[in-house]
Amino acid sequence: MPNRAKLGGMSETRDPFESMFATIAPTIDPPSTDGAFVRSLFAMRRLSKGEYYQRAGEVTTHGGFVVRGCLRTYSIDPEGVESITFFSAERSWVGDIQSARTQQPTTYHVDAIEQAELLVITLSDFDRLLARFPVIARYYQLGLERSSAARQRRISLALNSTAEERYTDFIERSPSIAARIPQHMLASYLGMTPETLSRVRRKRRAPEG
């Protein structure tokens, strides 16, 4: 049955698996036996704003597919400086796959910047999923490649572009996410101070001439 969920003050009835099938298994019919098998491997997890999905020092046990909401992944260096590595909104994955595979503690915190719903799965069940459905394995590999390309692009921008260029690139590529992220978090992700981000935003809003 569809779940009834209340997020952001709104209540609605929907199938939480709908976006997941569309993203990683578009050729699988959700009501089929294969669809039922996919569903059986996941469990729903809901997070309140500010609640942690995982903390640095823990061994990652589950991966999560974001159905609703937005989470951030970040690390804190020995001086206490926070660095956000990416944001995961709807139809994205969260969790440290390296920690899950090696059974070594993760160096990343992941928390919800707004109320969130995730479909979570253990690594062993995820491997069963990939082995049974090559199409899901292909989509997962494509997702990894896109994530890697995005990280490389972000590194290149950090080294070779101005603060305004980094901000412009982000809002043009992710306009819906940019509008949801608190300014101090966006500044951390873009590698600038909140004051610099405010200046860049004021400059972009200023009329030409």
Protein backbone atom coordinates (compact mmCIF):
# COMPACT_ATOMS: atom_id res chain seq x y z
CA MET A 1 0.00 0.00 0.00
CA PRO A 2 1.16 3.57 -0.56
CA ASN A 3 2.56 5.22 2.55
CA ARG A 4 1.13 8.34 4.09
CA ALA A 5 3.95 10.66 5.06
CA LYS A 6 4.04 14.13 6.55
CA LEU A 7 7.00 16.26 5.54
CA GLY A 8 7.46 19.98 5.65
CA GLY A 9 3.98 20.42 7.11
CA MET A 10 2.35 18.67 4.16
CA SER A 11 0.76 15.25 4.12
CA GLU A 12 0.37 13.19 0.99
CA THR A 13 -0.20 9.63 -0.13
CA ARG A 14 2.33 8.17 -2.51
CA ASP A 15 4.51 5.17 -3.21
CA PRO A 16 7.98 5.94 -1.81
CA PHE A 17 9.51 3.47 -4.27
CA GLU A 18 8.23 5.31 -7.35
CA SER A 19 11.23 7.58 -7.79
CA MET A 20 13.68 4.80 -7.00
CA PHE A 21 12.31 2.50 -9.72
CA ALA A 22 12.34 5.40 -12.19
CA THR A 23 15.97 6.18 -11.33
CA ILE A 24 17.73 2.82 -11.02
CA ALA A 25 15.32 0.24 -12.45
CA PRO A 26 13.19 1.82 -15.21
CA THR A 27 12.79 -1.51 -17.05
CA ILE A 28 11.43 -3.36 -14.00
CA ASP A 29 7.67 -3.41 -13.55
CA PRO A 30 7.09 -2.42 -9.88
CA PRO A 31 4.05 -4.73 -9.36
CA SER A 32 5.93 -7.73 -10.81
CA THR A 33 7.75 -10.46 -8.91
CA ASP A 34 11.02 -8.71 -9.69
CA GLY A 35 9.58 -5.47 -8.38
CA ALA A 36 8.48 -7.17 -5.17
CA PHE A 37 11.99 -8.57 -4.73
CA VAL A 38 13.50 -5.08 -5.08
CA ARG A 39 11.08 -3.69 -2.53
CA SER A 40 11.84 -6.48 -0.06
CA LEU A 41 15.47 -5.40 0.23
CA PHE A 42 14.80 -1.82 1.35
CA ALA A 43 13.44 -0.30 4.54
CA MET A 44 12.09 3.22 5.06
CA ARG A 45 13.99 5.62 7.30
CA ARG A 46 12.77 9.10 8.19
CA LEU A 47 15.02 11.87 9.47
CA SER A 48 14.12 15.12 11.16
CA LYS A 49 15.94 18.32 10.22
CA GLY A 50 19.41 18.17 11.77
CA GLU A 51 19.26 14.45 12.48
CA TYR A 52 22.31 12.37 11.57
CA TYR A 53 22.22 9.58 9.04
CA GLN A 54 25.79 8.63 9.96
CA ARG A 55 28.66 10.11 11.96
CA ALA A 56 32.39 10.12 11.38
CA GLY A 57 34.02 7.23 13.25
CA GLU A 58 31.17 4.81 12.56
CA VAL A 59 31.35 1.94 10.10
CA THR A 60 28.78 2.50 7.38
CA THR A 61 26.23 -0.33 7.37
CA HIS A 62 23.57 0.92 4.92
CA GLY A 63 23.25 2.93 1.75
CA GLY A 64 20.29 5.25 1.42
CA PHE A 65 18.26 6.38 -1.60
CA VAL A 66 16.73 9.79 -0.97
CA VAL A 67 12.99 9.84 -1.59
CA ARG A 68 12.30 13.24 -0.07
CA GLY A 69 14.43 15.98 1.45
CA CYS A 70 18.09 16.96 1.27
CA LEU A 71 21.14 15.76 3.20
CA ARG A 72 24.72 16.95 3.33
CA THR A 73 27.94 14.94 3.55
CA TYR A 74 30.83 16.69 5.27
CA SER A 75 34.06 16.21 7.19
CA ILE A 76 35.71 18.17 10.00
CA ASP A 77 39.49 18.64 10.00
CA PRO A 78 41.69 18.59 13.16
CA GLU A 79 41.30 22.37 13.48
CA GLY A 80 37.52 21.99 13.55
CA VAL A 81 36.95 23.39 10.07
CA GLU A 82 33.92 21.89 8.33
CA SER A 83 34.09 20.97 4.65
CA ILE A 84 30.94 19.92 2.82
CA THR A 85 31.67 17.51 -0.01
CA PHE A 86 28.20 17.20 -1.53
CA PHE A 87 24.46 17.52 -1.06
CA SER A 88 22.08 14.63 -1.70
CA ALA A 89 18.53 15.57 -2.63
CA GLU A 90 15.75 13.50 -4.17
CA ARG A 91 16.90 10.56 -6.35
CA SER A 92 20.43 10.63 -4.90
CA TRP A 93 22.34 8.15 -2.76
CA VAL A 94 23.93 8.74 0.65
CA GLY A 95 26.41 6.66 2.63
CA ASP A 96 30.13 5.91 2.49
CA ILE A 97 30.49 2.90 0.18
CA GLN A 98 34.23 2.62 0.95
CA SER A 99 33.54 2.30 4.67
CA ALA A 100 30.87 -0.31 4.00
CA ARG A 101 33.19 -2.36 1.79
CA THR A 102 36.32 -2.14 3.98
CA GLN A 103 34.52 -2.16 7.35
CA GLN A 104 36.70 0.78 8.36
CA PRO A 105 35.22 3.82 10.13
CA THR A 106 34.00 6.56 7.83
CA THR A 107 35.49 10.05 7.97
CA TYR A 108 32.19 11.63 6.93
CA HIS A 109 29.18 12.95 8.76
CA VAL A 110 25.84 12.87 6.94
CA ASP A 111 22.85 14.77 8.30
CA ALA A 112 19.52 16.07 7.06
CA ILE A 113 19.27 19.79 6.31
CA GLU A 114 15.50 19.38 6.05
CA GLN A 115 13.05 16.61 6.89
CA ALA A 116 13.90 13.59 4.80
CA GLU A 117 12.76 10.12 3.78
CA LEU A 118 15.21 7.46 2.62
CA LEU A 119 15.01 3.89 1.43
CA VAL A 120 17.95 2.11 3.07
CA ILE A 121 19.64 -1.15 2.13
CA THR A 122 22.52 -3.20 3.52
CA LEU A 123 25.63 -3.72 1.40
CA SER A 124 25.02 -7.48 1.13
CA ASP A 125 21.46 -6.92 -0.10
CA PHE A 126 22.65 -4.24 -2.50
CA ASP A 127 25.17 -6.67 -3.96
CA ARG A 128 22.35 -9.21 -4.39
CA LEU A 129 20.37 -6.54 -6.22
CA LEU A 130 23.22 -5.76 -8.61
CA ALA A 131 23.91 -9.44 -9.27
CA ARG A 132 20.29 -10.24 -10.08
CA PHE A 133 19.57 -7.18 -12.22
CA PRO A 134 22.35 -6.14 -14.65
CA VAL A 135 20.27 -3.11 -15.64
CA ILE A 136 20.45 -1.79 -12.07
CA ALA A 137 24.20 -2.46 -12.01
CA ARG A 138 24.59 -0.41 -15.20
CA TYR A 139 22.58 2.51 -13.82
CA TYR A 140 24.55 2.34 -10.58
CA GLN A 141 27.85 2.41 -12.49
CA LEU A 142 26.66 5.39 -14.50
CA GLY A 143 25.77 7.13 -11.26
CA LEU A 144 29.25 6.49 -9.88
CA GLU A 145 30.80 7.87 -13.05
CA ARG A 146 28.66 11.01 -12.88
CA SER A 147 29.56 11.50 -9.23
CA SER A 148 33.25 11.12 -10.01
CA ALA A 149 33.00 13.60 -12.86
CA ALA A 150 31.18 16.07 -10.62
CA ARG A 151 33.90 15.79 -7.96
CA GLN A 152 36.61 16.39 -10.54
CA ARG A 153 34.73 19.37 -11.91
CA ARG A 154 34.34 20.80 -8.41
CA ILE A 155 38.08 20.40 -7.73
CA SER A 156 38.91 22.09 -11.03
CA LEU A 157 36.57 24.98 -10.30
CA ALA A 158 38.02 25.40 -6.81
CA LEU A 159 41.53 25.67 -8.28
CA ASN A 160 40.85 27.69 -11.41
CA SER A 161 37.78 29.89 -10.96
CA THR A 162 36.58 32.90 -9.03
CA ALA A 163 34.03 32.79 -6.23
CA GLU A 164 31.41 34.26 -8.57
CA GLU A 165 32.14 31.62 -11.22
CA ARG A 166 31.79 28.80 -8.68
CA TYR A 167 28.51 30.19 -7.40
CA THR A 168 27.15 30.74 -10.91
CA ASP A 169 28.09 27.22 -11.96
CA PHE A 170 26.33 25.70 -8.95
CA ILE A 171 23.05 27.59 -9.25
CA GLU A 172 22.88 26.96 -13.00
CA ARG A 173 23.45 23.22 -12.54
CA SER A 174 21.38 22.76 -9.38
CA PRO A 175 18.90 25.65 -9.12
CA SER A 176 16.30 23.76 -7.07
CA ILE A 177 18.89 22.58 -4.54
CA ALA A 178 20.60 25.98 -4.31
CA ALA A 179 17.35 27.55 -3.14
CA ARG A 180 17.07 25.04 -0.28
CA ILE A 181 20.58 25.22 1.19
CA PRO A 182 21.38 27.58 4.09
CA GLN A 183 23.90 30.22 3.08
CA HIS A 184 26.68 29.11 5.47
CA MET A 185 26.43 25.54 4.14
CA LEU A 186 26.53 26.66 0.52
CA ALA A 187 29.57 28.82 1.30
CA SER A 188 31.34 25.82 2.85
CA TYR A 189 30.56 23.66 -0.18
CA LEU A 190 31.81 26.32 -2.60
CA GLY A 191 34.98 26.95 -0.60
CA MET A 192 34.32 30.54 0.40
CA THR A 193 33.30 32.50 3.46
CA PRO A 194 29.63 33.40 4.05
CA GLU A 195 30.65 37.05 3.64
CA THR A 196 32.11 36.36 0.20
CA LEU A 197 28.97 34.47 -0.80
CA SER A 198 26.81 37.40 0.32
CA ARG A 199 28.93 39.76 -1.75
CA VAL A 200 28.67 37.51 -4.81
CA ARG A 201 24.89 37.28 -4.44
CA ARG A 202 24.55 41.05 -4.06
CA LYS A 203 26.66 41.57 -7.17
CA ARG A 204 24.49 39.16 -9.19
CA ARG A 205 21.30 40.86 -8.05
CA ALA A 206 22.56 44.37 -8.76
CA PRO A 207 21.07 45.91 -11.94
CA GLU A 208 23.46 46.38 -14.83
CA GLY A 209 24.54 49.78 -15.98
